[in-house]
Amino acid sequence: SDLESGLAGFDDKSFDSVILSQTLQAMRHTEEIVLEMLRVGREAIVTFPNFGHWSHRLQVLRGRMPVSKSLPYQWYDTPNIHLCTVADFDAFCAAHAFRVLERVVLHETRKVTVLPNLLGSLAIYRFQRG
């Protein structure tokens, strides 16, 4: 079954956790997918490339779409359609009254705690309904 068609085949709270790793940015209906994750699971875990990383910002300032280890595609062949930043996902969670249980931001293999929206290239969130 196509994930875009939702998780209708699963009952409410069928799982402890529902995980989407580097998938949200490729979904056409991101908000609906997240809501479905939290319907079928007690909590959700998502990972996504942070479009706010300084190297991505610099490439955009130079007039080019970013290409990096975390965003390895050219603009014309990317599966990514909804790029977001750590700050964007924080705001998304707040707007939906989701309770963020854990947020880890990485750059390569290092955890980023200072200026994560600027210095982190990958975000990992564990959250639930508030």
N, C-alpha and C. Protein backbone atom coordinates (compact mmCIF):
# COMPACT_ATOMS: atom_id res chain seq x y z
N SER A 1 0.84 -1.19 0.00
CA SER A 1 0.00 0.00 0.00
C SER A 1 0.88 1.25 0.00
N ASP A 2 0.44 2.27 -0.66
CA ASP A 2 1.15 3.53 -0.78
C ASP A 2 0.94 4.34 0.50
N LEU A 3 2.03 4.80 1.08
CA LEU A 3 1.94 5.59 2.32
C LEU A 3 1.12 6.86 2.12
N GLU A 4 1.13 7.41 0.92
CA GLU A 4 0.34 8.61 0.64
C GLU A 4 -1.15 8.38 0.84
N SER A 5 -1.59 7.15 0.69
CA SER A 5 -3.02 6.88 0.87
C SER A 5 -3.39 6.73 2.34
N GLY A 6 -2.41 6.90 3.22
CA GLY A 6 -2.68 6.90 4.64
C GLY A 6 -2.45 5.55 5.30
N LEU A 7 -2.80 5.49 6.54
CA LEU A 7 -2.61 4.29 7.35
C LEU A 7 -3.96 3.70 7.76
N ALA A 8 -4.94 3.81 6.85
CA ALA A 8 -6.30 3.40 7.16
C ALA A 8 -6.41 1.92 7.53
N GLY A 9 -5.46 1.10 7.13
CA GLY A 9 -5.51 -0.32 7.43
C GLY A 9 -5.16 -0.66 8.87
N PHE A 10 -4.80 0.35 9.65
CA PHE A 10 -4.41 0.12 11.03
C PHE A 10 -5.41 0.77 11.99
N ASP A 11 -5.69 0.08 13.09
CA ASP A 11 -6.58 0.61 14.11
C ASP A 11 -5.88 1.69 14.93
N ASP A 12 -6.66 2.50 15.60
CA ASP A 12 -6.11 3.51 16.50
C ASP A 12 -5.21 2.85 17.54
N LYS A 13 -4.09 3.50 17.81
CA LYS A 13 -3.13 3.07 18.84
C LYS A 13 -2.70 1.60 18.69
N SER A 14 -2.52 1.18 17.44
CA SER A 14 -2.06 -0.19 17.16
C SER A 14 -0.59 -0.40 17.52
N PHE A 15 0.17 0.69 17.58
CA PHE A 15 1.61 0.61 17.79
C PHE A 15 2.06 1.54 18.90
N ASP A 16 3.15 1.18 19.56
CA ASP A 16 3.76 2.09 20.53
C ASP A 16 4.38 3.28 19.80
N SER A 17 5.13 2.99 18.73
CA SER A 17 5.81 4.04 17.96
C SER A 17 5.63 3.81 16.47
N VAL A 18 5.52 4.89 15.74
CA VAL A 18 5.48 4.85 14.29
C VAL A 18 6.65 5.71 13.82
N ILE A 19 7.48 5.13 12.97
CA ILE A 19 8.73 5.79 12.56
C ILE A 19 8.73 6.06 11.06
N LEU A 20 9.10 7.28 10.71
CA LEU A 20 9.36 7.64 9.31
C LEU A 20 10.75 8.27 9.27
N SER A 21 11.68 7.58 8.66
CA SER A 21 13.05 8.06 8.59
C SER A 21 13.33 8.66 7.21
N GLN A 22 13.61 9.94 7.20
CA GLN A 22 13.91 10.70 6.00
C GLN A 22 12.86 10.46 4.91
N THR A 23 11.61 10.57 5.31
CA THR A 23 10.49 10.32 4.41
C THR A 23 9.54 11.52 4.32
N LEU A 24 9.35 12.25 5.42
CA LEU A 24 8.37 13.34 5.44
C LEU A 24 8.56 14.33 4.30
N GLN A 25 9.81 14.67 3.99
CA GLN A 25 10.06 15.68 2.97
C GLN A 25 9.68 15.20 1.57
N ALA A 26 9.45 13.90 1.41
CA ALA A 26 9.05 13.36 0.11
C ALA A 26 7.55 13.10 0.02
N MET A 27 6.81 13.40 1.07
CA MET A 27 5.36 13.17 1.10
C MET A 27 4.61 14.38 0.56
N ARG A 28 3.57 14.15 -0.21
CA ARG A 28 2.76 15.25 -0.73
C ARG A 28 1.86 15.84 0.36
N HIS A 29 1.37 15.01 1.27
CA HIS A 29 0.43 15.45 2.30
C HIS A 29 1.05 15.21 3.68
N THR A 30 2.08 15.95 3.96
CA THR A 30 2.88 15.75 5.17
C THR A 30 2.05 15.84 6.44
N GLU A 31 1.24 16.86 6.56
CA GLU A 31 0.44 17.04 7.77
C GLU A 31 -0.48 15.85 8.01
N GLU A 32 -1.14 15.38 6.97
CA GLU A 32 -2.05 14.23 7.10
C GLU A 32 -1.29 12.98 7.52
N ILE A 33 -0.10 12.78 6.99
CA ILE A 33 0.70 11.61 7.34
C ILE A 33 1.07 11.65 8.82
N VAL A 34 1.49 12.83 9.30
CA VAL A 34 1.86 12.96 10.72
C VAL A 34 0.65 12.70 11.62
N LEU A 35 -0.49 13.24 11.25
CA LEU A 35 -1.71 13.00 12.04
C LEU A 35 -2.08 11.52 12.05
N GLU A 36 -1.91 10.85 10.93
CA GLU A 36 -2.18 9.41 10.86
C GLU A 36 -1.18 8.63 11.71
N MET A 37 0.09 9.05 11.70
CA MET A 37 1.10 8.39 12.55
C MET A 37 0.66 8.43 14.01
N LEU A 38 0.16 9.58 14.43
CA LEU A 38 -0.25 9.74 15.83
C LEU A 38 -1.61 9.12 16.13
N ARG A 39 -2.34 8.78 15.11
CA ARG A 39 -3.59 8.04 15.32
C ARG A 39 -3.29 6.57 15.57
N VAL A 40 -2.40 6.00 14.76
CA VAL A 40 -2.13 4.56 14.87
C VAL A 40 -1.04 4.24 15.91
N GLY A 41 -0.29 5.25 16.33
CA GLY A 41 0.76 5.03 17.32
C GLY A 41 0.63 5.96 18.50
N ARG A 42 1.16 5.55 19.63
CA ARG A 42 1.15 6.40 20.82
C ARG A 42 2.12 7.56 20.68
N GLU A 43 3.20 7.33 19.90
CA GLU A 43 4.16 8.39 19.63
C GLU A 43 4.69 8.21 18.21
N ALA A 44 5.28 9.28 17.70
CA ALA A 44 5.86 9.26 16.37
C ALA A 44 7.34 9.63 16.46
N ILE A 45 8.11 9.05 15.58
CA ILE A 45 9.52 9.41 15.45
C ILE A 45 9.75 9.72 13.98
N VAL A 46 10.29 10.90 13.72
CA VAL A 46 10.60 11.29 12.35
C VAL A 46 12.03 11.81 12.27
N THR A 47 12.63 11.60 11.13
CA THR A 47 13.93 12.21 10.85
C THR A 47 13.80 12.92 9.50
N PHE A 48 14.52 14.02 9.36
CA PHE A 48 14.51 14.75 8.10
C PHE A 48 15.77 15.59 7.96
N PRO A 49 16.18 15.86 6.72
CA PRO A 49 17.32 16.75 6.51
C PRO A 49 16.91 18.18 6.88
N ASN A 50 17.78 18.88 7.56
CA ASN A 50 17.50 20.25 7.98
C ASN A 50 17.89 21.22 6.88
N PHE A 51 16.90 21.78 6.21
CA PHE A 51 17.13 22.73 5.13
C PHE A 51 17.75 24.02 5.66
N GLY A 52 17.69 24.26 6.97
CA GLY A 52 18.24 25.47 7.58
C GLY A 52 19.73 25.42 7.83
N HIS A 53 20.40 24.29 7.55
CA HIS A 53 21.84 24.19 7.77
C HIS A 53 22.56 25.30 7.01
N TRP A 54 23.61 25.84 7.61
CA TRP A 54 24.31 26.99 7.03
C TRP A 54 24.76 26.75 5.60
N SER A 55 25.17 25.53 5.27
CA SER A 55 25.66 25.28 3.91
C SER A 55 24.52 25.36 2.89
N HIS A 56 23.32 24.95 3.31
CA HIS A 56 22.16 25.06 2.41
C HIS A 56 21.80 26.53 2.21
N ARG A 57 21.85 27.29 3.31
CA ARG A 57 21.54 28.72 3.21
C ARG A 57 22.52 29.42 2.27
N LEU A 58 23.80 29.07 2.39
CA LEU A 58 24.83 29.69 1.55
C LEU A 58 24.60 29.36 0.08
N GLN A 59 24.23 28.12 -0.21
CA GLN A 59 23.97 27.76 -1.60
C GLN A 59 22.78 28.52 -2.16
N VAL A 60 21.73 28.71 -1.34
CA VAL A 60 20.57 29.49 -1.78
C VAL A 60 20.98 30.95 -2.01
N LEU A 61 21.80 31.52 -1.11
CA LEU A 61 22.28 32.89 -1.30
C LEU A 61 23.06 33.04 -2.59
N ARG A 62 23.74 31.98 -3.00
CA ARG A 62 24.49 31.99 -4.26
C ARG A 62 23.60 31.73 -5.46
N GLY A 63 22.30 31.56 -5.20
CA GLY A 63 21.35 31.39 -6.28
C GLY A 63 21.16 29.95 -6.75
N ARG A 64 21.61 28.99 -5.96
CA ARG A 64 21.52 27.59 -6.34
C ARG A 64 20.72 26.80 -5.31
N MET A 65 20.06 25.75 -5.75
CA MET A 65 19.38 24.84 -4.83
C MET A 65 20.45 24.00 -4.14
N PRO A 66 20.30 23.77 -2.85
CA PRO A 66 21.32 23.04 -2.09
C PRO A 66 21.49 21.58 -2.52
N VAL A 67 22.74 21.16 -2.54
CA VAL A 67 23.11 19.76 -2.71
C VAL A 67 24.15 19.47 -1.64
N SER A 68 23.91 18.40 -0.86
CA SER A 68 24.82 18.06 0.24
C SER A 68 24.67 16.58 0.55
N LYS A 69 25.39 16.11 1.59
CA LYS A 69 25.22 14.72 2.01
C LYS A 69 23.78 14.45 2.44
N SER A 70 23.16 15.40 3.13
CA SER A 70 21.79 15.18 3.60
C SER A 70 20.73 15.50 2.54
N LEU A 71 21.09 16.28 1.54
CA LEU A 71 20.21 16.58 0.40
C LEU A 71 21.00 16.30 -0.88
N PRO A 72 21.18 15.02 -1.23
CA PRO A 72 22.13 14.67 -2.29
C PRO A 72 21.60 14.75 -3.73
N TYR A 73 20.45 15.35 -3.94
CA TYR A 73 19.86 15.36 -5.27
C TYR A 73 19.91 16.75 -5.91
N GLN A 74 19.94 16.77 -7.23
CA GLN A 74 19.79 18.02 -7.97
C GLN A 74 18.31 18.40 -7.95
N TRP A 75 18.01 19.67 -8.17
CA TRP A 75 16.63 20.15 -8.10
C TRP A 75 15.71 19.39 -9.05
N TYR A 76 16.21 18.92 -10.17
CA TYR A 76 15.36 18.31 -11.18
C TYR A 76 15.12 16.82 -10.96
N ASP A 77 15.85 16.18 -10.05
CA ASP A 77 15.62 14.75 -9.83
C ASP A 77 15.41 14.39 -8.36
N THR A 78 15.09 15.39 -7.55
CA THR A 78 14.91 15.13 -6.12
C THR A 78 13.54 14.55 -5.80
N PRO A 79 13.50 13.61 -4.86
CA PRO A 79 12.20 13.14 -4.38
C PRO A 79 11.63 14.09 -3.33
N ASN A 80 12.45 15.04 -2.85
CA ASN A 80 12.04 15.95 -1.79
C ASN A 80 11.15 17.06 -2.34
N ILE A 81 9.96 17.19 -1.75
CA ILE A 81 9.03 18.23 -2.20
C ILE A 81 8.65 19.20 -1.10
N HIS A 82 8.85 18.81 0.16
CA HIS A 82 8.54 19.68 1.30
C HIS A 82 9.75 19.76 2.22
N LEU A 83 10.67 20.63 1.88
CA LEU A 83 11.85 20.80 2.72
C LEU A 83 11.48 21.66 3.91
N CYS A 84 12.05 21.35 5.08
CA CYS A 84 11.78 22.16 6.25
C CYS A 84 13.03 22.28 7.10
N THR A 85 12.97 23.17 8.05
CA THR A 85 14.08 23.39 8.97
C THR A 85 13.68 22.89 10.35
N VAL A 86 14.66 22.85 11.24
CA VAL A 86 14.38 22.51 12.63
C VAL A 86 13.35 23.50 13.19
N ALA A 87 13.55 24.79 12.91
CA ALA A 87 12.62 25.81 13.40
C ALA A 87 11.21 25.60 12.83
N ASP A 88 11.12 25.22 11.56
CA ASP A 88 9.82 24.94 10.95
C ASP A 88 9.11 23.79 11.65
N PHE A 89 9.85 22.72 11.94
CA PHE A 89 9.21 21.56 12.56
C PHE A 89 8.84 21.85 14.01
N ASP A 90 9.65 22.65 14.71
CA ASP A 90 9.27 23.10 16.06
C ASP A 90 7.94 23.84 16.01
N ALA A 91 7.80 24.75 15.04
CA ALA A 91 6.58 25.54 14.90
C ALA A 91 5.39 24.64 14.52
N PHE A 92 5.64 23.67 13.66
CA PHE A 92 4.59 22.71 13.27
C PHE A 92 4.08 21.96 14.50
N CYS A 93 5.00 21.47 15.32
CA CYS A 93 4.62 20.75 16.54
C CYS A 93 3.84 21.66 17.49
N ALA A 94 4.28 22.89 17.65
CA ALA A 94 3.60 23.83 18.54
C ALA A 94 2.20 24.14 18.01
N ALA A 95 2.07 24.35 16.71
CA ALA A 95 0.77 24.68 16.11
C ALA A 95 -0.24 23.55 16.27
N HIS A 96 0.24 22.31 16.34
CA HIS A 96 -0.64 21.16 16.49
C HIS A 96 -0.71 20.66 17.94
N ALA A 97 -0.10 21.40 18.84
CA ALA A 97 -0.07 21.04 20.27
C ALA A 97 0.53 19.66 20.50
N PHE A 98 1.54 19.31 19.68
CA PHE A 98 2.26 18.06 19.89
C PHE A 98 3.28 18.29 20.99
N ARG A 99 3.48 17.29 21.80
CA ARG A 99 4.48 17.36 22.86
C ARG A 99 5.75 16.68 22.36
N VAL A 100 6.82 17.45 22.21
CA VAL A 100 8.09 16.90 21.76
C VAL A 100 8.75 16.22 22.96
N LEU A 101 8.91 14.92 22.87
CA LEU A 101 9.51 14.14 23.95
C LEU A 101 11.03 14.16 23.87
N GLU A 102 11.51 14.24 22.65
CA GLU A 102 12.96 14.26 22.45
C GLU A 102 13.26 14.84 21.07
N ARG A 103 14.29 15.68 21.02
CA ARG A 103 14.76 16.22 19.75
C ARG A 103 16.27 16.12 19.75
N VAL A 104 16.80 15.48 18.73
CA VAL A 104 18.25 15.38 18.57
C VAL A 104 18.57 15.92 17.19
N VAL A 105 19.54 16.81 17.14
CA VAL A 105 19.98 17.36 15.87
C VAL A 105 21.45 16.97 15.70
N LEU A 106 21.76 16.47 14.51
CA LEU A 106 23.10 15.98 14.23
C LEU A 106 23.72 16.71 13.05
N HIS A 107 25.03 16.73 13.03
CA HIS A 107 25.76 17.06 11.81
C HIS A 107 26.77 15.94 11.63
N GLU A 108 26.57 15.19 10.56
CA GLU A 108 27.31 13.96 10.33
C GLU A 108 27.09 13.06 11.55
N THR A 109 28.09 12.76 12.35
CA THR A 109 27.87 11.87 13.49
C THR A 109 27.85 12.61 14.82
N ARG A 110 27.99 13.93 14.78
CA ARG A 110 28.07 14.72 16.02
C ARG A 110 26.72 15.33 16.38
N LYS A 111 26.40 15.28 17.67
CA LYS A 111 25.19 15.92 18.18
C LYS A 111 25.42 17.43 18.22
N VAL A 112 24.44 18.19 17.77
CA VAL A 112 24.52 19.65 17.73
C VAL A 112 23.55 20.21 18.78
N THR A 113 24.09 20.93 19.76
CA THR A 113 23.24 21.51 20.80
C THR A 113 23.21 23.03 20.73
N VAL A 114 24.21 23.64 20.13
CA VAL A 114 24.27 25.08 19.98
C VAL A 114 23.85 25.43 18.55
N LEU A 115 22.87 26.30 18.42
CA LEU A 115 22.35 26.74 17.12
C LEU A 115 22.02 25.56 16.20
N PRO A 116 21.17 24.65 16.66
CA PRO A 116 20.90 23.45 15.87
C PRO A 116 20.27 23.73 14.51
N ASN A 117 19.46 24.78 14.39
CA ASN A 117 18.84 25.10 13.10
C ASN A 117 19.87 25.55 12.08
N LEU A 118 20.95 26.12 12.54
CA LEU A 118 22.01 26.62 11.66
C LEU A 118 23.11 25.58 11.43
N LEU A 119 23.43 24.80 12.47
CA LEU A 119 24.60 23.92 12.41
C LEU A 119 24.27 22.44 12.23
N GLY A 120 22.99 22.06 12.37
CA GLY A 120 22.61 20.66 12.23
C GLY A 120 22.15 20.33 10.83
N SER A 121 22.52 19.16 10.35
CA SER A 121 22.11 18.76 9.00
C SER A 121 20.99 17.70 9.01
N LEU A 122 20.78 17.05 10.16
CA LEU A 122 19.73 16.04 10.27
C LEU A 122 19.02 16.21 11.60
N ALA A 123 17.69 16.17 11.57
CA ALA A 123 16.89 16.31 12.79
C ALA A 123 16.14 15.02 13.07
N ILE A 124 16.06 14.68 14.35
CA ILE A 124 15.32 13.51 14.80
C ILE A 124 14.36 13.97 15.91
N TYR A 125 13.09 13.71 15.72
CA TYR A 125 12.07 14.11 16.70
C TYR A 125 11.29 12.89 17.15
N ARG A 126 11.01 12.85 18.45
CA ARG A 126 10.09 11.87 19.04
C ARG A 126 9.01 12.69 19.71
N PHE A 127 7.76 12.51 19.32
CA PHE A 127 6.68 13.37 19.82
C PHE A 127 5.36 12.61 19.90
N GLN A 128 4.40 13.23 20.59
CA GLN A 128 3.07 12.66 20.74
C GLN A 128 2.06 13.79 20.80
N ARG A 129 0.80 13.41 20.78
CA ARG A 129 -0.25 14.43 20.95
C ARG A 129 -0.13 15.02 22.33
N GLY A 130 -0.40 16.34 22.44
CA GLY A 130 -0.28 17.04 23.72
C GLY A 130 -1.36 16.70 24.62
